[in-house]
């Protein structure tokens, strides 16, 4: 066989697909955008309700809202914004994660979690998220405040998962969604 000979008869090769440009599928793009908005809305609802539970926890001494500021301090925002804005910046980071990262992950694995609806799968998802949160946001609680912190943070995450999943269930039945 010669060096340039591939052993394939070029006369039988169909080159029509190679010459055609890919047409964008606007329906799929619209579905992806719609799903992203559903995820963001679900995350916003879930994070808002979670915040209410944390505010209740803060009122009984089971959660310190200042722990959100620690998130902003970890990436150096206290040097840029000043100490008075660290709590707000930390909460916005928390809200942003609750509206983007976690709903995106939930949309991709939600159908593999236990439960026949997204709302019930969201409860399991909230539990999984809680296992990291309960360790990361612990600021040295002990005794009764530790027990309350564990319970309040668990309830908050179960509420987050259920409410985010409920939004997925409610809006996911729309004709333009891919979820």
C-alpha atoms as a PDB file:
ATOM      1  CA  UNK A   1       0.000   0.000   0.000  1.00  0.00           C
ATOM      2  CA  UNK A   2       1.387   3.441  -0.887  1.00  0.00           C
ATOM      3  CA  UNK A   3       1.970   5.982   1.833  1.00  0.00           C
ATOM      4  CA  UNK A   4      -0.897   8.267   0.771  1.00  0.00           C
ATOM      5  CA  UNK A   5      -3.295   5.380   0.113  1.00  0.00           C
ATOM      6  CA  UNK A   6      -5.747   4.871   3.003  1.00  0.00           C
ATOM      7  CA  UNK A   7      -7.258   1.754   1.528  1.00  0.00           C
ATOM      8  CA  UNK A   8     -10.698   3.394   1.279  1.00  0.00           C
ATOM      9  CA  UNK A   9     -12.415   3.958  -2.015  1.00  0.00           C
ATOM     10  CA  UNK A  10     -12.992   7.750  -1.966  1.00  0.00           C
ATOM     11  CA  UNK A  11     -15.625   7.551  -4.676  1.00  0.00           C
ATOM     12  CA  UNK A  12     -18.076   5.962  -2.215  1.00  0.00           C
ATOM     13  CA  UNK A  13     -17.604   8.500   0.596  1.00  0.00           C
ATOM     14  CA  UNK A  14     -20.627  10.723   1.279  1.00  0.00           C
ATOM     15  CA  UNK A  15     -19.397  14.276   1.947  1.00  0.00           C
ATOM     16  CA  UNK A  16     -22.788  15.997   2.157  1.00  0.00           C
ATOM     17  CA  UNK A  17     -22.820  16.063   5.981  1.00  0.00           C
ATOM     18  CA  UNK A  18     -19.330  17.510   6.127  1.00  0.00           C
ATOM     19  CA  UNK A  19     -20.343  20.428   3.926  1.00  0.00           C
ATOM     20  CA  UNK A  20     -23.562  21.345   5.757  1.00  0.00           C
ATOM     21  CA  UNK A  21     -23.492  23.908   8.564  1.00  0.00           C
ATOM     22  CA  UNK A  22     -25.062  22.971  11.868  1.00  0.00           C
ATOM     23  CA  UNK A  23     -28.400  24.671  12.309  1.00  0.00           C
ATOM     24  CA  UNK A  24     -29.049  25.893  15.852  1.00  0.00           C
ATOM     25  CA  UNK A  25     -32.056  24.230  17.440  1.00  0.00           C
ATOM     26  CA  UNK A  26     -33.884  27.205  18.888  1.00  0.00           C
ATOM     27  CA  UNK A  27     -36.392  24.968  20.664  1.00  0.00           C
ATOM     28  CA  UNK A  28     -33.656  23.215  22.646  1.00  0.00           C
ATOM     29  CA  UNK A  29     -31.959  26.518  23.465  1.00  0.00           C
ATOM     30  CA  UNK A  30     -35.254  27.970  24.675  1.00  0.00           C
ATOM     31  CA  UNK A  31     -35.830  24.848  26.767  1.00  0.00           C
ATOM     32  CA  UNK A  32     -32.386  25.148  28.352  1.00  0.00           C
ATOM     33  CA  UNK A  33     -32.988  28.815  29.138  1.00  0.00           C
ATOM     34  CA  UNK A  34     -36.414  28.023  30.573  1.00  0.00           C
ATOM     35  CA  UNK A  35     -34.961  25.253  32.729  1.00  0.00           C
ATOM     36  CA  UNK A  36     -32.259  27.611  33.966  1.00  0.00           C
ATOM     37  CA  UNK A  37     -34.865  30.156  34.995  1.00  0.00           C
ATOM     38  CA  UNK A  38     -36.921  27.453  36.715  1.00  0.00           C
ATOM     39  CA  UNK A  39     -33.810  26.355  38.608  1.00  0.00           C
ATOM     40  CA  UNK A  40     -32.971  29.915  39.628  1.00  0.00           C
ATOM     41  CA  UNK A  41     -36.536  30.552  40.770  1.00  0.00           C
ATOM     42  CA  UNK A  42     -36.623  27.260  42.666  1.00  0.00           C
ATOM     43  CA  UNK A  43     -33.308  28.090  44.297  1.00  0.00           C
ATOM     44  CA  UNK A  44     -34.519  31.563  45.230  1.00  0.00           C
ATOM     45  CA  UNK A  45     -37.697  30.205  46.814  1.00  0.00           C
ATOM     46  CA  UNK A  46     -35.753  27.501  48.638  1.00  0.00           C
ATOM     47  CA  UNK A  47     -33.045  29.860  49.883  1.00  0.00           C
ATOM     48  CA  UNK A  48     -35.629  32.417  50.992  1.00  0.00           C
ATOM     49  CA  UNK A  49     -37.520  29.842  53.043  1.00  0.00           C
ATOM     50  CA  UNK A  50     -34.239  28.475  54.387  1.00  0.00           C
ATOM     51  CA  UNK A  51     -33.330  31.993  55.514  1.00  0.00           C
ATOM     52  CA  UNK A  52     -36.591  32.248  57.448  1.00  0.00           C
ATOM     53  CA  UNK A  53     -35.716  29.035  59.297  1.00  0.00           C
ATOM     54  CA  UNK A  54     -32.220  30.388  60.021  1.00  0.00           C
ATOM     55  CA  UNK A  55     -33.691  33.638  61.346  1.00  0.00           C
ATOM     56  CA  UNK A  56     -35.853  31.603  63.723  1.00  0.00           C
ATOM     57  CA  UNK A  57     -32.724  29.698  64.718  1.00  0.00           C
ATOM     58  CA  UNK A  58     -30.847  32.949  65.291  1.00  0.00           C
ATOM     59  CA  UNK A  59     -33.630  34.212  67.547  1.00  0.00           C
ATOM     60  CA  UNK A  60     -33.241  31.193  69.841  1.00  0.00           C
ATOM     61  CA  UNK A  61     -29.428  31.235  69.750  1.00  0.00           C
ATOM     62  CA  UNK A  62     -29.061  28.187  67.513  1.00  0.00           C
ATOM     63  CA  UNK A  63     -27.550  29.941  64.480  1.00  0.00           C
ATOM     64  CA  UNK A  64     -25.294  32.938  63.985  1.00  0.00           C
ATOM     65  CA  UNK A  65     -26.060  34.932  60.871  1.00  0.00           C
ATOM     66  CA  UNK A  66     -22.510  36.272  61.043  1.00  0.00           C
ATOM     67  CA  UNK A  67     -21.314  32.908  59.762  1.00  0.00           C
ATOM     68  CA  UNK A  68     -22.409  34.046  56.295  1.00  0.00           C
ATOM     69  CA  UNK A  69     -19.810  36.795  56.605  1.00  0.00           C
ATOM     70  CA  UNK A  70     -17.130  34.159  57.021  1.00  0.00           C
ATOM     71  CA  UNK A  71     -17.822  33.028  53.467  1.00  0.00           C
ATOM     72  CA  UNK A  72     -17.035  36.509  52.166  1.00  0.00           C
ATOM     73  CA  UNK A  73     -13.961  36.771  54.379  1.00  0.00           C
ATOM     74  CA  UNK A  74     -12.583  33.516  52.965  1.00  0.00           C
ATOM     75  CA  UNK A  75     -12.294  35.076  49.519  1.00  0.00           C
ATOM     76  CA  UNK A  76     -11.007  38.409  50.814  1.00  0.00           C
ATOM     77  CA  UNK A  77     -14.080  40.578  50.368  1.00  0.00           C
ATOM     78  CA  UNK A  78     -13.592  42.096  53.816  1.00  0.00           C
ATOM     79  CA  UNK A  79     -10.518  43.926  52.480  1.00  0.00           C
ATOM     80  CA  UNK A  80     -12.432  45.254  49.488  1.00  0.00           C
ATOM     81  CA  UNK A  81     -15.842  46.037  50.991  1.00  0.00           C
ATOM     82  CA  UNK A  82     -15.005  46.750  54.596  1.00  0.00           C
ATOM     83  CA  UNK A  83     -16.174  44.891  57.651  1.00  0.00           C
ATOM     84  CA  UNK A  84     -19.654  46.454  57.665  1.00  0.00           C
ATOM     85  CA  UNK A  85     -20.560  44.904  54.290  1.00  0.00           C
ATOM     86  CA  UNK A  86     -19.088  41.438  54.856  1.00  0.00           C
ATOM     87  CA  UNK A  87     -22.322  39.919  56.181  1.00  0.00           C
ATOM     88  CA  UNK A  88     -24.348  41.199  53.221  1.00  0.00           C
ATOM     89  CA  UNK A  89     -21.718  40.027  50.733  1.00  0.00           C
ATOM     90  CA  UNK A  90     -21.551  36.616  52.386  1.00  0.00           C
ATOM     91  CA  UNK A  91     -25.306  36.262  52.262  1.00  0.00           C
ATOM     92  CA  UNK A  92     -25.352  37.251  48.575  1.00  0.00           C
ATOM     93  CA  UNK A  93     -22.752  34.540  47.898  1.00  0.00           C
ATOM     94  CA  UNK A  94     -24.947  32.086  49.807  1.00  0.00           C
ATOM     95  CA  UNK A  95     -28.019  33.205  47.840  1.00  0.00           C
ATOM     96  CA  UNK A  96     -26.117  32.982  44.551  1.00  0.00           C
ATOM     97  CA  UNK A  97     -25.047  29.417  45.280  1.00  0.00           C
ATOM     98  CA  UNK A  98     -28.575  28.540  46.323  1.00  0.00           C
ATOM     99  CA  UNK A  99     -29.913  29.917  43.040  1.00  0.00           C
ATOM    100  CA  UNK A 100     -27.290  28.563  40.621  1.00  0.00           C
ATOM    101  CA  UNK A 101     -24.941  25.811  41.733  1.00  0.00           C
ATOM    102  CA  UNK A 102     -27.270  23.681  43.839  1.00  0.00           C
ATOM    103  CA  UNK A 103     -30.327  23.877  41.521  1.00  0.00           C
ATOM    104  CA  UNK A 104     -28.121  22.996  38.540  1.00  0.00           C
ATOM    105  CA  UNK A 105     -26.791  19.947  40.354  1.00  0.00           C
ATOM    106  CA  UNK A 106     -30.312  19.042  41.472  1.00  0.00           C
ATOM    107  CA  UNK A 107     -31.628  19.306  37.909  1.00  0.00           C
ATOM    108  CA  UNK A 108     -28.946  16.911  36.723  1.00  0.00           C
ATOM    109  CA  UNK A 109     -29.276  14.263  39.463  1.00  0.00           C
ATOM    110  CA  UNK A 110     -32.812  14.828  40.754  1.00  0.00           C
ATOM    111  CA  UNK A 111     -34.323  11.984  38.765  1.00  0.00           C
ATOM    112  CA  UNK A 112     -31.866   9.542  40.398  1.00  0.00           C
ATOM    113  CA  UNK A 113     -32.760  10.521  43.963  1.00  0.00           C
ATOM    114  CA  UNK A 114     -35.438   8.654  45.916  1.00  0.00           C
ATOM    115  CA  UNK A 115     -38.954   9.945  45.375  1.00  0.00           C
ATOM    116  CA  UNK A 116     -41.435   9.974  42.547  1.00  0.00           C
ATOM    117  CA  UNK A 117     -41.580  13.781  42.338  1.00  0.00           C
ATOM    118  CA  UNK A 118     -38.906  16.464  42.500  1.00  0.00           C
ATOM    119  CA  UNK A 119     -40.339  17.723  45.792  1.00  0.00           C
ATOM    120  CA  UNK A 120     -39.710  14.414  47.550  1.00  0.00           C
ATOM    121  CA  UNK A 121     -36.345  13.973  45.827  1.00  0.00           C
ATOM    122  CA  UNK A 122     -35.522  17.482  47.039  1.00  0.00           C
ATOM    123  CA  UNK A 123     -35.862  16.350  50.648  1.00  0.00           C
ATOM    124  CA  UNK A 124     -33.132  13.750  50.097  1.00  0.00           C
ATOM    125  CA  UNK A 125     -31.075  16.356  48.242  1.00  0.00           C
ATOM    126  CA  UNK A 126     -31.464  18.828  51.095  1.00  0.00           C
ATOM    127  CA  UNK A 127     -30.240  16.170  53.512  1.00  0.00           C
ATOM    128  CA  UNK A 128     -27.113  15.599  51.420  1.00  0.00           C
ATOM    129  CA  UNK A 129     -26.405  19.348  51.302  1.00  0.00           C
ATOM    130  CA  UNK A 130     -26.954  19.576  55.051  1.00  0.00           C
ATOM    131  CA  UNK A 131     -24.121  17.125  55.787  1.00  0.00           C
ATOM    132  CA  UNK A 132     -21.599  19.636  54.464  1.00  0.00           C
ATOM    133  CA  UNK A 133     -23.321  22.720  55.821  1.00  0.00           C
ATOM    134  CA  UNK A 134     -23.627  21.445  59.391  1.00  0.00           C
ATOM    135  CA  UNK A 135     -19.855  21.050  59.563  1.00  0.00           C
ATOM    136  CA  UNK A 136     -18.832  24.144  57.605  1.00  0.00           C
ATOM    137  CA  UNK A 137     -21.040  26.674  59.398  1.00  0.00           C
ATOM    138  CA  UNK A 138     -20.560  25.374  62.937  1.00  0.00           C
ATOM    139  CA  UNK A 139     -19.014  28.195  64.960  1.00  0.00           C
ATOM    140  CA  UNK A 140     -18.255  26.228  68.105  1.00  0.00           C
ATOM    141  CA  UNK A 141     -21.702  25.455  69.440  1.00  0.00           C
ATOM    142  CA  UNK A 142     -21.946  23.164  72.442  1.00  0.00           C
ATOM    143  CA  UNK A 143     -24.638  21.661  74.614  1.00  0.00           C
ATOM    144  CA  UNK A 144     -28.210  22.653  73.874  1.00  0.00           C
ATOM    145  CA  UNK A 145     -27.187  25.256  71.291  1.00  0.00           C
ATOM    146  CA  UNK A 146     -25.338  22.534  69.343  1.00  0.00           C
ATOM    147  CA  UNK A 147     -28.418  20.298  69.357  1.00  0.00           C
ATOM    148  CA  UNK A 148     -30.612  23.215  68.266  1.00  0.00           C
ATOM    149  CA  UNK A 149     -28.105  24.164  65.551  1.00  0.00           C
ATOM    150  CA  UNK A 150     -28.124  20.622  64.159  1.00  0.00           C
ATOM    151  CA  UNK A 151     -31.939  20.446  64.151  1.00  0.00           C
ATOM    152  CA  UNK A 152     -32.491  23.982  62.794  1.00  0.00           C
ATOM    153  CA  UNK A 153     -29.936  23.554  60.010  1.00  0.00           C
ATOM    154  CA  UNK A 154     -31.413  20.152  59.083  1.00  0.00           C
ATOM    155  CA  UNK A 155     -34.944  21.549  58.953  1.00  0.00           C
ATOM    156  CA  UNK A 156     -33.698  24.503  56.878  1.00  0.00           C
ATOM    157  CA  UNK A 157     -32.090  22.201  54.324  1.00  0.00           C
ATOM    158  CA  UNK A 158     -35.092  19.896  54.134  1.00  0.00           C
ATOM    159  CA  UNK A 159     -37.271  22.975  53.543  1.00  0.00           C
ATOM    160  CA  UNK A 160     -34.813  24.161  50.866  1.00  0.00           C
ATOM    161  CA  UNK A 161     -34.876  20.851  49.022  1.00  0.00           C
ATOM    162  CA  UNK A 162     -38.632  20.400  49.267  1.00  0.00           C
ATOM    163  CA  UNK A 163     -39.484  23.929  48.157  1.00  0.00           C
ATOM    164  CA  UNK A 164     -36.962  23.924  45.302  1.00  0.00           C
ATOM    165  CA  UNK A 165     -38.283  20.545  44.163  1.00  0.00           C
ATOM    166  CA  UNK A 166     -41.857  21.820  44.419  1.00  0.00           C
ATOM    167  CA  UNK A 167     -41.012  24.684  42.068  1.00  0.00           C
ATOM    168  CA  UNK A 168     -39.414  22.166  39.685  1.00  0.00           C
ATOM    169  CA  UNK A 169     -42.591  20.061  39.861  1.00  0.00           C
ATOM    170  CA  UNK A 170     -44.931  23.000  39.372  1.00  0.00           C
ATOM    171  CA  UNK A 171     -43.065  24.740  36.560  1.00  0.00           C
ATOM    172  CA  UNK A 172     -41.438  21.657  35.048  1.00  0.00           C
ATOM    173  CA  UNK A 173     -44.752  20.474  33.607  1.00  0.00           C
ATOM    174  CA  UNK A 174     -44.766  23.405  31.209  1.00  0.00           C
ATOM    175  CA  UNK A 175     -44.386  22.430  27.527  1.00  0.00           C
ATOM    176  CA  UNK A 176     -41.083  24.281  26.920  1.00  0.00           C
ATOM    177  CA  UNK A 177     -39.044  22.632  29.662  1.00  0.00           C
ATOM    178  CA  UNK A 178     -36.546  19.799  29.364  1.00  0.00           C
ATOM    179  CA  UNK A 179     -36.618  18.785  33.050  1.00  0.00           C
END
